[in-house]
Protein backbone atom coordinates (compact mmCIF):
# COMPACT_ATOMS: atom_id res chain seq x y z
CA MET A 1 10.21 6.29 -5.19
CA GLU A 2 9.21 4.59 -8.43
CA GLY A 3 9.53 0.82 -8.34
CA LEU A 4 10.13 0.66 -4.59
CA ILE A 5 7.44 -0.45 -2.18
CA THR A 6 7.84 0.65 1.44
CA ILE A 7 5.68 -0.25 4.42
CA GLU A 8 5.97 0.78 8.05
CA SER A 9 6.77 -1.87 10.64
CA GLU A 10 5.22 -2.07 14.09
CA PHE A 11 8.49 -3.53 15.36
CA GLY A 12 12.06 -2.34 15.70
CA PRO A 13 14.64 -3.05 12.99
CA LYS A 14 16.16 -6.16 14.60
CA GLU A 15 12.80 -7.80 15.31
CA THR A 16 11.52 -6.90 11.84
CA ILE A 17 14.51 -8.42 10.02
CA ASP A 18 14.38 -11.53 12.24
CA ARG A 19 10.65 -11.96 11.53
CA LEU A 20 11.29 -11.49 7.82
CA ASP A 21 14.12 -14.05 7.86
CA THR A 22 11.92 -16.59 9.66
CA ASP A 23 9.01 -16.05 7.26
CA ILE A 24 11.22 -16.31 4.17
CA ARG A 25 12.60 -19.65 5.35
CA ALA A 26 9.11 -20.87 6.32
CA GLN A 27 8.01 -20.25 2.71
CA GLY A 28 10.76 -22.58 1.47
CA MET A 29 13.00 -19.85 0.15
CA ARG A 30 16.69 -19.56 0.82
CA VAL A 31 18.30 -16.63 2.65
CA PHE A 32 21.57 -15.99 0.83
CA ALA A 33 22.79 -13.15 3.03
CA ARG A 34 21.91 -10.72 5.77
CA ILE A 35 23.96 -7.56 5.65
CA ASP A 36 23.93 -5.16 8.59
CA GLN A 37 24.91 -2.00 6.77
CA SER A 38 24.88 0.12 9.94
CA GLN A 39 27.32 -2.31 11.57
CA LEU A 40 29.59 -2.11 8.54
CA ALA A 41 29.42 1.69 8.67
CA ALA A 42 30.36 1.63 12.37
CA ALA A 43 33.35 -0.59 11.58
CA ALA A 44 34.48 2.09 9.11
CA GLY A 45 34.08 4.79 11.77
CA LEU A 46 30.83 6.14 10.30
CA GLU A 47 27.33 6.48 11.69
CA LEU A 48 24.24 5.04 10.03
CA ARG A 49 20.82 4.46 11.55
CA PRO A 50 19.82 0.78 11.65
CA THR A 51 19.85 -0.45 8.04
CA MET A 52 19.80 -4.17 7.21
CA LEU A 53 19.54 -5.88 3.84
CA ILE A 54 18.32 -9.45 3.40
CA ILE A 55 18.95 -11.24 0.10
CA PHE A 56 16.78 -14.26 -0.62
CA GLY A 57 15.01 -16.26 -3.27
CA ASN A 58 14.03 -19.48 -4.90
CA PRO A 59 15.27 -20.61 -8.33
CA ARG A 60 11.72 -21.70 -9.25
CA GLY A 61 10.66 -18.06 -9.06
CA GLY A 62 13.71 -16.25 -10.37
CA THR A 63 14.84 -18.54 -13.17
CA PRO A 64 11.81 -17.97 -15.44
CA LEU A 65 12.50 -14.23 -15.27
CA MET A 66 16.18 -14.76 -16.11
CA GLN A 67 15.20 -17.09 -18.97
CA ALA A 68 13.09 -14.24 -20.35
CA SER A 69 15.88 -11.67 -19.85
CA GLN A 70 19.19 -12.57 -18.25
CA THR A 71 19.86 -8.95 -17.31
CA VAL A 72 17.27 -9.24 -14.53
CA GLY A 73 19.97 -11.24 -12.75
CA ILE A 74 21.41 -7.88 -11.64
CA ASP A 75 18.22 -7.40 -9.58
CA LEU A 76 17.84 -11.01 -8.43
CA PRO A 77 17.89 -12.67 -5.98
CA LEU A 78 15.19 -10.70 -4.25
CA LYS A 79 16.10 -8.17 -1.59
CA ALA A 80 14.37 -6.41 1.26
CA LEU A 81 15.75 -3.49 3.23
CA VAL A 82 14.78 -2.93 6.85
CA TRP A 83 15.68 0.57 7.98
CA GLN A 84 14.97 3.12 10.67
CA ASP A 85 14.23 6.74 9.82
CA SER A 86 15.31 9.82 11.77
CA SER A 87 12.12 9.76 13.86
CA GLY A 88 12.75 6.17 14.97
CA LYS A 89 10.15 4.51 12.74
CA THR A 90 11.09 1.20 11.13
CA TRP A 91 10.36 0.49 7.47
CA VAL A 92 10.57 -2.45 5.08
CA SER A 93 11.35 -1.66 1.43
CA TYR A 94 11.49 -4.00 -1.54
CA ASN A 95 11.49 -3.78 -5.32
CA ASP A 96 8.19 -4.00 -7.18
CA THR A 97 8.74 -7.03 -9.44
CA GLU A 98 6.40 -5.60 -12.08
CA CYS A 99 8.76 -2.62 -12.37
CA LEU A 100 11.74 -4.98 -12.58
CA ALA A 101 10.02 -6.87 -15.41
CA LYS A 102 9.37 -3.61 -17.24
CA ARG A 103 12.93 -2.42 -16.66
CA HIS A 104 14.34 -5.58 -18.26
CA GLY A 105 11.72 -5.89 -21.00
CA ILE A 106 10.43 -9.19 -19.61
CA THR A 107 7.32 -10.54 -21.25
CA GLY A 108 5.49 -13.85 -21.24
CA VAL A 109 5.86 -14.58 -17.53
CA ASP A 110 3.29 -12.15 -16.17
CA GLN A 111 1.85 -14.67 -13.71
CA VAL A 112 5.28 -15.40 -12.22
CA VAL A 113 5.96 -11.68 -11.84
CA ARG A 114 2.55 -11.11 -10.25
CA MET A 115 2.98 -14.06 -7.86
CA MET A 116 6.42 -12.82 -6.82
CA ASN A 117 4.97 -9.39 -6.07
CA LEU A 118 2.15 -10.91 -4.01
CA ALA A 119 4.60 -13.11 -2.11
CA LEU A 120 6.92 -10.17 -1.37
CA GLY A 121 3.99 -8.08 -0.16
CA ALA A 122 2.77 -10.87 2.09
CA LEU A 123 6.24 -11.47 3.54
CA ALA A 124 6.79 -7.77 4.24
CA ALA A 125 3.34 -7.35 5.79
CA LYS A 126 3.74 -10.41 8.03
CA ALA A 127 7.17 -9.26 9.22
CA ALA A 128 5.99 -5.70 9.84
CA ARG A 129 2.65 -6.25 11.51
CA ASN A 130 1.28 -8.25 14.40
């Protein structure tokens, strides 16, 4: 899927999201919300394989992008989705910040965008692999 980066996790959904949460906080970022979408589905009488969204960020990273184009605020703060497929594999998906910058016509903050992408990749990899 264009603009979405997905990596396989060696851990189950709960352990993966917990590891991701811990690593985000350890990097000095704030976790704004954790949403267990499968739990919400169950409460509505519906079935959904484990699917959890974590919303996080740091104003030092996101604000320069919003200064360049406020519409990127629809895609910020950052998000990562931990989900389990039909074969039981767990995955971590997140938006490619370079695609977000392109989508919103953001220019002049290429280094910030690149650093955000590197940080997201490192966080996802650390949460997903031993």
